[in-house]
Every structure is written in structure tokens, then in C-alpha cells.
N, C-alpha and C. Protein backbone atom coordinates (compact mmCIF):
# COMPACT_ATOMS: atom_id res chain seq x y z
N MET A 1 1.53 -12.65 -34.10
CA MET A 1 1.00 -13.25 -33.00
C MET A 1 1.49 -14.79 -32.75
N GLN A 2 1.63 -15.26 -31.41
CA GLN A 2 2.07 -16.43 -31.16
C GLN A 2 0.85 -17.40 -31.23
N VAL A 3 1.00 -18.62 -31.79
CA VAL A 3 -0.28 -19.42 -31.97
C VAL A 3 -0.02 -20.55 -31.00
N ALA A 4 1.25 -20.86 -30.66
CA ALA A 4 1.48 -21.98 -29.56
C ALA A 4 2.57 -21.66 -28.82
N ASN A 5 3.00 -22.21 -27.68
CA ASN A 5 4.10 -21.86 -26.59
C ASN A 5 5.06 -22.88 -27.28
N VAL A 6 6.21 -22.24 -27.89
CA VAL A 6 7.37 -22.99 -28.31
C VAL A 6 8.34 -23.14 -27.34
N ASN A 7 8.84 -24.44 -27.25
CA ASN A 7 9.91 -24.86 -26.47
C ASN A 7 9.73 -24.56 -25.11
N LEU A 8 8.56 -24.80 -24.40
CA LEU A 8 7.99 -24.36 -23.20
C LEU A 8 8.49 -25.35 -22.19
N PRO A 9 9.28 -25.06 -21.20
CA PRO A 9 9.44 -26.03 -19.97
C PRO A 9 8.39 -26.39 -19.23
N ILE A 10 7.83 -27.76 -19.49
CA ILE A 10 6.76 -28.22 -18.76
C ILE A 10 7.08 -29.41 -17.74
N GLN A 11 6.87 -29.26 -16.54
CA GLN A 11 6.94 -30.19 -15.51
C GLN A 11 5.86 -30.98 -15.11
N VAL A 12 5.69 -32.35 -15.35
CA VAL A 12 4.55 -33.02 -14.88
C VAL A 12 4.86 -33.97 -13.77
N THR A 13 4.22 -33.75 -12.79
CA THR A 13 4.54 -34.65 -11.61
C THR A 13 3.24 -35.33 -11.09
N GLY A 14 3.51 -36.46 -10.36
CA GLY A 14 2.33 -37.29 -9.88
C GLY A 14 2.34 -37.25 -8.28
N ARG A 15 1.37 -37.09 -7.70
CA ARG A 15 1.17 -37.31 -6.19
C ARG A 15 0.26 -38.44 -6.05
N HIS A 16 0.63 -39.47 -5.27
CA HIS A 16 -0.07 -40.69 -5.21
C HIS A 16 -0.48 -41.26 -6.34
N VAL A 17 0.25 -41.13 -7.38
CA VAL A 17 -0.24 -41.70 -8.73
C VAL A 17 0.96 -41.72 -9.52
N THR A 18 1.13 -42.83 -10.33
CA THR A 18 2.15 -42.99 -11.32
C THR A 18 1.80 -42.26 -12.66
N VAL A 19 2.36 -41.27 -13.22
CA VAL A 19 1.97 -40.53 -14.18
C VAL A 19 2.34 -41.28 -15.58
N THR A 20 1.38 -41.85 -16.29
CA THR A 20 1.65 -42.61 -17.35
C THR A 20 2.07 -41.68 -18.57
N GLU A 21 2.77 -42.33 -19.70
CA GLU A 21 3.10 -41.45 -20.96
C GLU A 21 2.03 -40.87 -21.37
N PRO A 22 1.01 -41.64 -21.93
CA PRO A 22 -0.07 -40.94 -22.47
C PRO A 22 -0.97 -39.92 -21.57
N MET A 23 -0.83 -39.94 -20.24
CA MET A 23 -1.45 -39.07 -19.35
C MET A 23 -0.39 -37.52 -19.50
N LYS A 24 0.62 -37.90 -19.48
CA LYS A 24 1.66 -36.77 -19.38
C LYS A 24 1.63 -36.09 -20.73
N GLU A 25 1.54 -36.89 -21.96
CA GLU A 25 1.40 -36.30 -23.27
C GLU A 25 0.32 -35.48 -23.37
N TYR A 26 -0.83 -35.88 -22.75
CA TYR A 26 -2.08 -35.28 -22.79
C TYR A 26 -2.02 -33.81 -22.18
N ALA A 27 -1.38 -33.82 -20.91
CA ALA A 27 -1.15 -32.65 -20.15
C ALA A 27 -0.36 -31.71 -20.78
N VAL A 28 0.79 -32.00 -21.39
CA VAL A 28 1.80 -31.45 -22.02
C VAL A 28 1.03 -30.63 -23.32
N LYS A 29 0.43 -31.43 -24.00
CA LYS A 29 -0.34 -31.11 -25.24
C LYS A 29 -1.25 -30.00 -24.95
N LYS A 30 -1.94 -30.03 -23.77
CA LYS A 30 -3.01 -29.07 -23.37
C LYS A 30 -2.38 -27.75 -23.09
N VAL A 31 -1.20 -27.91 -22.25
CA VAL A 31 -0.51 -26.49 -22.08
C VAL A 31 -0.14 -26.00 -23.11
N GLU A 32 0.55 -26.57 -23.81
CA GLU A 32 1.35 -25.98 -25.17
C GLU A 32 0.06 -25.47 -26.28
N GLY A 33 -1.18 -25.99 -26.07
CA GLY A 33 -2.13 -25.55 -26.94
C GLY A 33 -2.90 -24.26 -26.54
N LEU A 34 -2.42 -23.76 -25.39
CA LEU A 34 -2.95 -22.48 -24.96
C LEU A 34 -2.66 -21.41 -25.93
N HIS A 35 -3.72 -20.93 -26.70
CA HIS A 35 -3.53 -19.88 -27.70
C HIS A 35 -3.62 -18.53 -26.98
N LEU A 36 -2.56 -17.83 -26.51
CA LEU A 36 -2.68 -16.46 -26.17
C LEU A 36 -1.29 -15.83 -26.46
N ASP A 37 -1.30 -14.57 -26.78
CA ASP A 37 -0.22 -13.98 -27.03
C ASP A 37 0.32 -13.25 -25.71
N TYR A 38 -0.63 -13.04 -24.82
CA TYR A 38 -0.38 -12.50 -23.48
C TYR A 38 -1.07 -13.13 -22.38
N PRO A 39 -0.57 -13.28 -21.16
CA PRO A 39 0.81 -13.27 -20.90
C PRO A 39 1.57 -14.32 -21.45
N ARG A 40 2.98 -14.06 -21.75
CA ARG A 40 3.81 -15.04 -22.31
C ARG A 40 4.21 -16.13 -21.19
N ILE A 41 3.99 -17.36 -21.30
CA ILE A 41 4.38 -18.37 -20.43
C ILE A 41 5.94 -18.58 -20.40
N ILE A 42 6.39 -18.62 -19.21
CA ILE A 42 7.91 -18.86 -19.19
C ILE A 42 8.10 -20.30 -18.61
N GLU A 43 7.35 -20.74 -17.76
CA GLU A 43 7.48 -22.16 -17.26
C GLU A 43 6.08 -22.56 -16.67
N ALA A 44 5.93 -23.84 -16.86
CA ALA A 44 4.51 -24.68 -16.43
C ALA A 44 4.90 -25.75 -15.59
N GLN A 45 4.12 -25.89 -14.43
CA GLN A 45 4.18 -26.98 -13.63
C GLN A 45 2.75 -27.66 -13.65
N ILE A 46 2.76 -28.89 -13.77
CA ILE A 46 1.47 -29.63 -13.70
C ILE A 46 1.62 -30.82 -12.59
N VAL A 47 0.45 -30.66 -11.66
CA VAL A 47 0.79 -31.83 -10.57
C VAL A 47 -0.65 -32.52 -10.73
N LEU A 48 -0.46 -33.85 -10.87
CA LEU A 48 -1.70 -34.76 -10.90
C LEU A 48 -1.64 -35.42 -9.74
N ASN A 49 -2.99 -35.70 -9.03
CA ASN A 49 -2.99 -36.19 -7.76
C ASN A 49 -4.35 -37.12 -7.72
N VAL A 50 -4.09 -38.10 -6.78
CA VAL A 50 -5.39 -39.05 -6.77
C VAL A 50 -5.56 -39.23 -5.29
N GLU A 51 -6.71 -38.98 -4.86
CA GLU A 51 -7.19 -39.10 -3.45
C GLU A 51 -8.39 -39.91 -3.27
N LYS A 52 -8.37 -41.06 -3.01
CA LYS A 52 -9.60 -41.95 -2.85
C LYS A 52 -10.09 -42.11 -4.47
N HIS A 53 -11.38 -41.65 -4.63
CA HIS A 53 -11.92 -41.68 -5.99
C HIS A 53 -11.87 -40.22 -6.80
N ARG A 54 -11.11 -39.16 -6.00
CA ARG A 54 -11.12 -37.86 -6.62
C ARG A 54 -9.70 -37.92 -7.32
N HIS A 55 -9.79 -37.46 -8.58
CA HIS A 55 -8.62 -37.13 -9.41
C HIS A 55 -8.55 -35.57 -9.52
N VAL A 56 -7.35 -35.01 -8.92
CA VAL A 56 -7.12 -33.50 -8.83
C VAL A 56 -5.98 -33.23 -9.81
N ALA A 57 -6.22 -32.19 -10.55
CA ALA A 57 -5.24 -31.71 -11.64
C ALA A 57 -5.07 -30.22 -11.18
N GLU A 58 -3.50 -29.81 -10.76
CA GLU A 58 -3.30 -28.44 -10.47
C GLU A 58 -2.17 -28.00 -11.43
N VAL A 59 -2.54 -26.70 -11.88
CA VAL A 59 -1.34 -26.08 -12.89
C VAL A 59 -1.01 -24.78 -12.29
N VAL A 60 0.56 -24.60 -12.44
CA VAL A 60 0.94 -23.33 -11.97
C VAL A 60 1.75 -22.87 -13.22
N LEU A 61 1.36 -21.56 -13.65
CA LEU A 61 2.14 -20.99 -14.81
C LEU A 61 2.80 -19.78 -14.44
N HIS A 62 4.06 -19.77 -14.63
CA HIS A 62 4.80 -18.53 -14.30
C HIS A 62 5.11 -17.84 -15.68
N CYS A 63 4.57 -16.55 -15.76
CA CYS A 63 4.43 -15.78 -16.84
C CYS A 63 5.32 -14.53 -16.89
N ALA A 64 5.51 -14.01 -17.80
CA ALA A 64 6.18 -12.76 -18.03
C ALA A 64 5.47 -11.86 -17.11
N ASN A 65 6.12 -10.60 -16.78
CA ASN A 65 5.68 -9.47 -16.08
C ASN A 65 5.39 -9.96 -14.72
N HIS A 66 5.96 -10.97 -14.08
CA HIS A 66 5.87 -11.37 -12.60
C HIS A 66 4.36 -11.90 -12.30
N ILE A 67 3.97 -12.59 -13.36
CA ILE A 67 2.49 -13.08 -13.41
C ILE A 67 2.52 -14.50 -13.14
N THR A 68 1.79 -15.13 -11.92
CA THR A 68 1.89 -16.32 -11.73
C THR A 68 0.19 -16.77 -11.63
N ILE A 69 -0.07 -17.63 -12.48
CA ILE A 69 -1.39 -18.31 -12.61
C ILE A 69 -1.58 -19.62 -12.01
N GLU A 70 -2.39 -19.77 -11.04
CA GLU A 70 -2.65 -21.14 -10.45
C GLU A 70 -4.06 -21.52 -10.77
N ALA A 71 -4.34 -22.80 -10.79
CA ALA A 71 -5.72 -23.25 -10.90
C ALA A 71 -5.72 -24.67 -10.43
N LYS A 72 -6.98 -25.12 -9.86
CA LYS A 72 -6.97 -26.47 -9.46
C LYS A 72 -8.45 -27.01 -9.74
N ALA A 73 -8.53 -28.37 -10.27
CA ALA A 73 -9.82 -28.86 -10.78
C ALA A 73 -9.78 -30.42 -10.20
N GLN A 74 -11.05 -30.72 -9.83
CA GLN A 74 -11.26 -32.01 -9.26
C GLN A 74 -12.31 -32.66 -9.91
N THR A 75 -12.16 -33.86 -10.37
CA THR A 75 -13.32 -34.83 -10.89
C THR A 75 -13.14 -36.36 -10.70
N THR A 76 -13.81 -37.11 -11.18
CA THR A 76 -13.53 -38.61 -10.98
C THR A 76 -12.81 -39.19 -12.20
N ASP A 77 -12.30 -38.43 -13.01
CA ASP A 77 -11.44 -38.82 -14.22
C ASP A 77 -10.37 -37.94 -14.37
N MET A 78 -9.25 -38.25 -14.40
CA MET A 78 -8.09 -37.42 -14.54
C MET A 78 -7.90 -36.52 -15.92
N TYR A 79 -8.35 -37.00 -17.05
CA TYR A 79 -8.39 -36.39 -18.26
C TYR A 79 -9.54 -35.31 -18.03
N ALA A 80 -10.52 -35.42 -17.50
CA ALA A 80 -11.54 -34.57 -17.37
C ALA A 80 -11.19 -33.40 -16.51
N SER A 81 -10.26 -33.89 -15.36
CA SER A 81 -9.72 -32.88 -14.46
C SER A 81 -8.67 -32.09 -15.23
N VAL A 82 -8.02 -32.48 -16.12
CA VAL A 82 -7.04 -31.72 -16.80
C VAL A 82 -7.73 -30.71 -17.71
N ASP A 83 -8.83 -31.20 -18.42
CA ASP A 83 -9.60 -30.32 -19.27
C ASP A 83 -10.07 -29.20 -18.57
N GLN A 84 -10.66 -29.49 -17.30
CA GLN A 84 -11.27 -28.41 -16.39
C GLN A 84 -10.28 -27.46 -16.00
N VAL A 85 -9.12 -27.84 -15.47
CA VAL A 85 -8.20 -26.83 -15.11
C VAL A 85 -7.44 -26.03 -16.14
N MET A 86 -7.50 -26.80 -17.42
CA MET A 86 -6.98 -25.81 -18.60
C MET A 86 -8.05 -24.93 -18.85
N ALA A 87 -9.26 -25.09 -18.70
CA ALA A 87 -10.31 -24.14 -18.98
C ALA A 87 -10.13 -22.94 -17.96
N LYS A 88 -9.89 -23.29 -16.69
CA LYS A 88 -9.63 -22.23 -15.56
C LYS A 88 -8.60 -21.44 -16.01
N VAL A 89 -7.55 -22.20 -16.40
CA VAL A 89 -6.07 -21.24 -16.66
C VAL A 89 -6.48 -20.34 -17.88
N ALA A 90 -7.01 -20.76 -18.79
CA ALA A 90 -7.32 -19.91 -19.97
C ALA A 90 -8.25 -18.74 -19.71
N GLN A 91 -9.04 -18.98 -18.84
CA GLN A 91 -9.96 -17.84 -18.43
C GLN A 91 -9.39 -16.82 -17.54
N GLN A 92 -8.22 -17.35 -16.57
CA GLN A 92 -7.44 -16.56 -15.95
C GLN A 92 -6.49 -15.72 -16.78
N MET A 93 -6.01 -16.26 -17.88
CA MET A 93 -5.00 -15.50 -18.67
C MET A 93 -5.85 -14.46 -19.55
N ARG A 94 -7.26 -14.76 -20.03
CA ARG A 94 -8.05 -13.81 -20.68
C ARG A 94 -8.20 -12.69 -19.81
N LYS A 95 -8.54 -12.94 -18.33
CA LYS A 95 -8.81 -11.80 -17.55
C LYS A 95 -7.58 -11.01 -17.23
N TYR A 96 -6.38 -11.55 -17.23
CA TYR A 96 -5.15 -10.76 -17.10
C TYR A 96 -5.12 -9.91 -18.21
N LYS A 97 -5.08 -10.55 -19.45
CA LYS A 97 -4.99 -9.51 -20.67
C LYS A 97 -6.00 -8.62 -20.76
N THR A 98 -7.38 -8.88 -20.53
CA THR A 98 -8.27 -7.76 -20.48
C THR A 98 -7.97 -6.66 -19.37
N LYS A 99 -7.47 -6.92 -18.23
CA LYS A 99 -7.17 -5.94 -17.35
C LYS A 99 -6.05 -5.20 -17.67
N ILE A 100 -5.05 -5.82 -18.31
CA ILE A 100 -3.78 -5.08 -18.61
C ILE A 100 -4.05 -4.17 -19.63
N MET A 101 -4.94 -4.59 -20.76
CA MET A 101 -5.17 -3.69 -21.75
C MET A 101 -6.05 -2.65 -21.44
N ARG A 102 -6.80 -2.87 -20.47
CA ARG A 102 -7.62 -1.58 -19.93
C ARG A 102 -6.80 -0.64 -19.22
N GLN A 103 -5.97 -1.17 -18.36
CA GLN A 103 -5.06 -0.32 -17.37
C GLN A 103 -3.81 0.34 -18.10
N HIS A 104 -3.30 -0.22 -19.11
CA HIS A 104 -2.16 0.29 -19.81
C HIS A 104 -2.46 1.13 -21.03
N ARG A 105 -3.51 1.79 -21.07
CA ARG A 105 -3.71 2.59 -22.12
C ARG A 105 -2.97 3.86 -21.98
N PRO A 106 -2.54 4.53 -22.90
CA PRO A 106 -1.85 5.76 -22.75
C PRO A 106 -2.53 6.73 -21.75
N ARG A 107 -1.68 7.19 -20.77
CA ARG A 107 -2.36 8.01 -19.82
C ARG A 107 -2.10 9.47 -20.36
N LYS A 108 -2.86 10.27 -20.02
CA LYS A 108 -2.87 11.71 -20.53
C LYS A 108 -2.26 12.64 -19.32
N GLY A 109 -1.19 12.23 -18.71
CA GLY A 109 -0.56 13.15 -17.80
C GLY A 109 -0.96 12.93 -16.26
N GLU A 110 -2.07 12.06 -16.17
CA GLU A 110 -2.57 11.89 -14.96
C GLU A 110 -1.89 10.90 -14.01
N VAL A 111 -1.75 11.28 -12.75
CA VAL A 111 -1.14 10.26 -11.77
C VAL A 111 -2.07 9.77 -10.77
N ARG A 112 -2.16 8.57 -10.55
CA ARG A 112 -2.95 7.97 -9.57
C ARG A 112 -2.26 7.90 -8.26
N HIS A 113 -2.98 8.28 -7.12
CA HIS A 113 -2.32 8.31 -5.83
C HIS A 113 -3.12 7.27 -4.94
N ILE A 114 -2.53 6.68 -4.10
CA ILE A 114 -3.06 5.81 -3.17
C ILE A 114 -3.36 6.49 -1.80
N GLU A 115 -4.65 6.34 -1.23
CA GLU A 115 -4.85 7.04 -0.04
C GLU A 115 -4.03 6.74 1.05
N GLU A 116 -3.40 7.45 1.69
CA GLU A 116 -2.42 7.18 2.98
C GLU A 116 -3.21 7.36 4.14
N ARG A 117 -2.99 6.34 4.97
CA ARG A 117 -3.78 6.11 6.37
C ARG A 117 -2.67 5.95 7.32
N VAL A 118 -2.96 6.76 8.41
CA VAL A 118 -1.96 6.61 9.61
C VAL A 118 -2.91 5.85 10.89
N PHE A 119 -2.41 4.94 11.41
CA PHE A 119 -3.06 4.25 12.49
C PHE A 119 -2.53 4.42 13.74
N SER A 120 -3.26 4.63 14.72
CA SER A 120 -2.70 4.94 16.04
C SER A 120 -2.81 3.59 17.04
N LEU A 121 -1.96 3.65 18.00
CA LEU A 121 -1.73 2.57 18.78
C LEU A 121 -2.68 2.64 20.13
N ASP A 122 -3.67 3.62 20.11
CA ASP A 122 -4.45 3.65 21.32
C ASP A 122 -5.26 2.46 21.52
N GLY A 123 -5.29 1.95 22.75
CA GLY A 123 -6.27 0.65 23.03
C GLY A 123 -5.36 -0.53 23.04
N PHE A 124 -3.94 -0.45 22.74
CA PHE A 124 -3.16 -1.63 22.61
C PHE A 124 -2.26 -1.57 23.83
N ASP A 125 -2.17 -2.71 24.62
CA ASP A 125 -1.34 -2.74 25.79
C ASP A 125 0.21 -3.35 25.14
N LEU A 126 1.10 -2.53 25.15
CA LEU A 126 2.45 -2.85 24.52
C LEU A 126 3.31 -3.40 25.64
N HIS A 127 2.84 -3.44 26.80
CA HIS A 127 3.85 -3.96 27.95
C HIS A 127 3.35 -5.17 28.48
N GLU A 128 2.87 -5.94 27.72
CA GLU A 128 2.23 -7.23 28.13
C GLU A 128 3.43 -8.34 28.36
N GLU A 129 3.41 -8.98 29.36
CA GLU A 129 4.65 -9.82 29.80
C GLU A 129 4.78 -11.24 29.11
N SER A 130 3.78 -11.68 28.38
CA SER A 130 3.74 -12.97 27.81
C SER A 130 4.70 -12.91 26.75
N GLU A 131 5.26 -14.18 26.59
CA GLU A 131 6.33 -14.52 25.53
C GLU A 131 5.70 -14.69 24.33
N PRO A 132 6.21 -13.97 23.05
CA PRO A 132 5.43 -14.20 21.88
C PRO A 132 5.72 -15.61 21.40
N GLN A 133 4.99 -16.19 20.51
CA GLN A 133 5.15 -17.48 19.93
C GLN A 133 5.11 -17.43 18.47
N GLN A 134 6.00 -18.20 17.80
CA GLN A 134 5.99 -18.29 16.49
C GLN A 134 4.82 -19.38 16.06
N VAL A 135 3.94 -19.03 15.25
CA VAL A 135 2.83 -19.98 14.82
C VAL A 135 3.26 -20.71 13.48
N GLN A 136 3.56 -19.90 12.58
CA GLN A 136 3.96 -20.38 11.35
C GLN A 136 4.93 -19.49 10.67
N THR A 137 5.82 -20.19 9.74
CA THR A 137 6.71 -19.43 9.06
C THR A 137 6.55 -19.80 7.60
N GLU A 138 6.55 -18.71 6.75
CA GLU A 138 6.26 -18.96 5.32
C GLU A 138 7.38 -18.10 4.66
N GLN A 139 8.00 -18.53 3.38
CA GLN A 139 8.75 -17.67 2.57
C GLN A 139 8.15 -17.42 1.40
N PHE A 140 8.21 -16.12 0.94
CA PHE A 140 7.66 -15.67 -0.17
C PHE A 140 8.47 -15.02 -1.07
N PRO A 141 8.59 -15.32 -2.46
CA PRO A 141 9.51 -14.63 -3.27
C PRO A 141 9.36 -13.29 -3.48
N VAL A 142 10.14 -12.54 -3.46
CA VAL A 142 10.23 -10.90 -3.38
C VAL A 142 10.52 -10.61 -4.79
N LYS A 143 9.49 -10.12 -5.72
CA LYS A 143 9.93 -9.78 -7.04
C LYS A 143 9.73 -8.12 -7.16
N PRO A 144 10.53 -7.56 -7.93
CA PRO A 144 10.44 -6.16 -8.22
C PRO A 144 9.26 -5.88 -9.10
N MET A 145 8.26 -5.08 -8.71
CA MET A 145 7.16 -4.70 -9.61
C MET A 145 6.54 -3.47 -9.06
N TYR A 146 5.78 -2.97 -10.03
CA TYR A 146 5.19 -1.67 -9.64
C TYR A 146 3.92 -1.86 -8.99
N LEU A 147 3.34 -0.92 -8.26
CA LEU A 147 2.05 -1.11 -7.57
C LEU A 147 0.94 -1.58 -8.28
N ASP A 148 0.72 -1.04 -9.52
CA ASP A 148 -0.39 -1.57 -10.26
C ASP A 148 -0.09 -3.08 -10.69
N GLU A 149 1.00 -3.55 -10.93
CA GLU A 149 1.28 -5.04 -11.30
C GLU A 149 1.02 -5.86 -9.88
N ALA A 150 1.28 -5.32 -8.68
CA ALA A 150 0.90 -5.97 -7.53
C ALA A 150 -0.53 -6.10 -7.19
N VAL A 151 -1.21 -4.94 -7.54
CA VAL A 151 -2.67 -5.14 -7.22
C VAL A 151 -3.31 -6.18 -8.40
N LEU A 152 -2.81 -6.12 -9.51
CA LEU A 152 -3.36 -7.18 -10.50
C LEU A 152 -3.03 -8.51 -10.04
N GLN A 153 -1.89 -8.77 -9.45
CA GLN A 153 -1.40 -10.10 -8.98
C GLN A 153 -2.39 -10.54 -7.74
N LEU A 154 -2.70 -9.58 -6.85
CA LEU A 154 -3.51 -9.74 -5.71
C LEU A 154 -4.89 -10.17 -6.10
N GLU A 155 -5.44 -9.36 -7.16
CA GLU A 155 -6.79 -9.59 -7.60
C GLU A 155 -6.97 -11.02 -8.30
N MET A 156 -5.97 -11.45 -8.87
CA MET A 156 -5.82 -12.66 -9.65
C MET A 156 -5.69 -13.99 -8.70
N SER A 157 -5.30 -13.79 -7.55
CA SER A 157 -5.03 -14.89 -6.66
C SER A 157 -5.99 -14.71 -5.56
N ASP A 158 -5.92 -16.03 -4.69
CA ASP A 158 -6.90 -15.97 -3.77
C ASP A 158 -6.00 -15.76 -2.34
N ARG A 159 -4.74 -15.43 -2.39
CA ARG A 159 -4.06 -15.05 -1.37
C ARG A 159 -4.31 -13.67 -0.60
N PRO A 160 -4.27 -13.66 0.74
CA PRO A 160 -4.72 -12.47 1.40
C PRO A 160 -3.76 -11.16 1.15
N PHE A 161 -2.46 -11.55 0.71
CA PHE A 161 -1.48 -10.38 0.57
C PHE A 161 -0.38 -10.78 -0.58
N VAL A 162 0.42 -9.75 -0.87
CA VAL A 162 1.43 -9.94 -1.75
C VAL A 162 2.55 -9.16 -1.37
N VAL A 163 3.97 -9.71 -1.15
CA VAL A 163 5.01 -9.06 -0.80
C VAL A 163 5.83 -8.76 -1.88
N PHE A 164 6.16 -7.60 -2.14
CA PHE A 164 6.87 -7.25 -3.43
C PHE A 164 7.93 -6.16 -3.17
N ASN A 165 8.91 -6.09 -4.07
CA ASN A 165 9.99 -4.97 -4.07
C ASN A 165 9.42 -3.95 -4.97
N ASN A 166 9.18 -2.65 -4.34
CA ASN A 166 8.60 -1.69 -5.07
C ASN A 166 9.58 -1.09 -6.14
N ALA A 167 9.30 -1.15 -7.51
CA ALA A 167 10.13 -0.83 -8.61
C ALA A 167 10.67 0.57 -8.47
N LYS A 168 9.49 1.39 -7.81
CA LYS A 168 9.48 2.88 -7.95
C LYS A 168 10.51 3.29 -6.78
N SER A 169 10.29 2.87 -5.57
CA SER A 169 11.01 3.26 -4.43
C SER A 169 12.06 2.23 -4.00
N ASN A 170 12.00 1.04 -4.65
CA ASN A 170 13.23 0.14 -4.27
C ASN A 170 13.12 -0.33 -2.78
N LYS A 171 11.89 -0.41 -2.21
CA LYS A 171 11.68 -0.84 -0.98
C LYS A 171 10.62 -2.08 -0.71
N ILE A 172 10.82 -2.88 0.07
CA ILE A 172 9.89 -3.99 0.35
C ILE A 172 8.66 -3.36 0.74
N ASN A 173 7.50 -3.59 -0.02
CA ASN A 173 6.21 -3.45 0.33
C ASN A 173 5.20 -4.79 0.54
N VAL A 174 4.11 -4.40 1.32
CA VAL A 174 3.10 -5.54 1.42
C VAL A 174 1.75 -4.81 1.06
N LEU A 175 1.20 -5.53 -0.12
CA LEU A 175 -0.16 -5.11 -0.47
C LEU A 175 -1.20 -6.24 -0.04
N TYR A 176 -2.20 -5.88 0.89
CA TYR A 176 -3.18 -6.85 1.32
C TYR A 176 -4.57 -6.45 1.16
N ARG A 177 -5.49 -7.43 1.16
CA ARG A 177 -6.81 -7.21 1.16
C ARG A 177 -7.46 -6.52 2.45
N ARG A 178 -8.41 -5.53 2.12
CA ARG A 178 -9.01 -5.05 3.28
C ARG A 178 -10.29 -5.73 3.53
N ASN A 179 -10.95 -5.81 4.79
CA ASN A 179 -12.05 -6.46 5.04
C ASN A 179 -13.22 -5.80 4.36
N GLU A 180 -13.25 -4.41 4.45
CA GLU A 180 -14.34 -3.76 3.68
C GLU A 180 -14.48 -3.88 2.26
N SER A 181 -13.47 -3.40 1.71
CA SER A 181 -13.10 -3.60 0.08
C SER A 181 -11.85 -2.67 -0.14
N GLY A 182 -11.43 -3.14 -1.27
CA GLY A 182 -10.21 -2.61 -1.73
C GLY A 182 -9.01 -3.09 -1.04
N PHE A 183 -7.87 -2.43 -1.22
CA PHE A 183 -6.53 -3.04 -0.72
C PHE A 183 -5.73 -2.08 0.20
N GLY A 184 -4.93 -2.59 0.94
CA GLY A 184 -3.99 -1.63 2.00
C GLY A 184 -2.54 -1.82 1.34
N LEU A 185 -1.76 -0.78 1.64
CA LEU A 185 -0.41 -0.95 1.39
C LEU A 185 0.39 -0.64 2.68
N ILE A 186 1.36 -1.53 2.84
CA ILE A 186 2.26 -1.22 3.88
C ILE A 186 3.65 -1.04 3.36
N GLU A 187 4.22 0.04 3.42
CA GLU A 187 5.67 0.35 3.01
C GLU A 187 6.37 1.05 4.19
N PRO A 188 7.81 0.53 4.17
CA PRO A 188 8.62 1.08 5.29
C PRO A 188 8.91 2.66 5.15
N SER A 189 9.08 3.32 6.22
CA SER A 189 9.36 4.79 6.23
C SER A 189 10.63 5.13 6.91
N ALA A 190 11.43 5.98 6.67
CA ALA A 190 12.57 6.39 7.56
C ALA A 190 12.33 6.85 8.95
N PRO A 191 12.94 6.41 10.01
CA PRO A 191 12.59 7.07 11.26
C PRO A 191 12.60 8.42 11.58
């Protein structure tokens, strides 16, 4: 079992604040001290920010199995913010480990299927003459992963959807949160 993360690339940056050497060492020591054997951390980014009297610490961990863990904490002291954000990160990592351990037990020949739904275009006026406007453009990294990994990624983040390359079908898919409950899957089909 891994006791500490060895030779972990950790990037500490400051926004609106000069990161002092003791502050940087404290943050790096906290990340290296995360005692977990899963998920294995590949890279860590720490952003320290000061806005008026608020000290904000953000951590983004890129882990194995396409897992990205993000956390943010805000207090009146930078060291306390780092402590709080590390507690949040550790909690998320434990949650990931528990979910993976429960879901990846040896299956006894059963296959899970996702319910398929077909939506109709009744009630939509497709011949509208207005010119479409681009509101916002975002780029998302498309990683190859299985559907259950994408569901886990979406559950652990507060984003409304995940774009991924389905490792089973090798097609781009979008997994999104539904308003009622559960998730929806958008996958391309041949015409």
C-alpha cells in the first residue's frame, strides 16, 4: 500500500497574491500527505487566491482512470483554507474509492442496460427565420472511458454533463444530469 505520493508533480500558483516559500511548502506537504492507495494521483494543481479579506484555496487533482477531483475552500486565513480544501479532497477521494469498490465487484454474468428513449420533434418550429447566435464556446477534453466511469465522473463533479469517447463503441458520447433524477446519454447513430 502506498503511504505517500512519491515524486508527484505539484504546481502551486497565486492569484492576486505572492506565494511565499512557507505557504508553498505547506500546500505541497498537504498534497503529498494524502494517504490513499486509490485513486492514484498523477498531477496536482493548487491555486491560492486573495479577494479583499477572503483567502481562497483551490485544488485540482488529475488521477488515474480519468478521474479529476476539484475542491475549493474559503476562509479568512490562507493556511486554514488549505486545510479545509485538503479535507474536502480527501473526502471526495474516499467517496471515489468506495464507489469503485462497490461497483467493480466481480459480476456474475449480468449486463446492465441503460434505458433508451426517443424524443419527437412535435411542437418545435424548425423553419424559424431568425439567425442563430453563439452565446458561449467552451472546450472539453474528450477522454476514452466506459459509461460507468463517466457516470462516476459526473456524480463526483458539479458540472451538468460529461463529454467522453465511449471506449466500448469508440464514439463521442454526452452524459448529462436529468431534471427529475438520474442521467441521460446522448450517443450518435448512423443515418
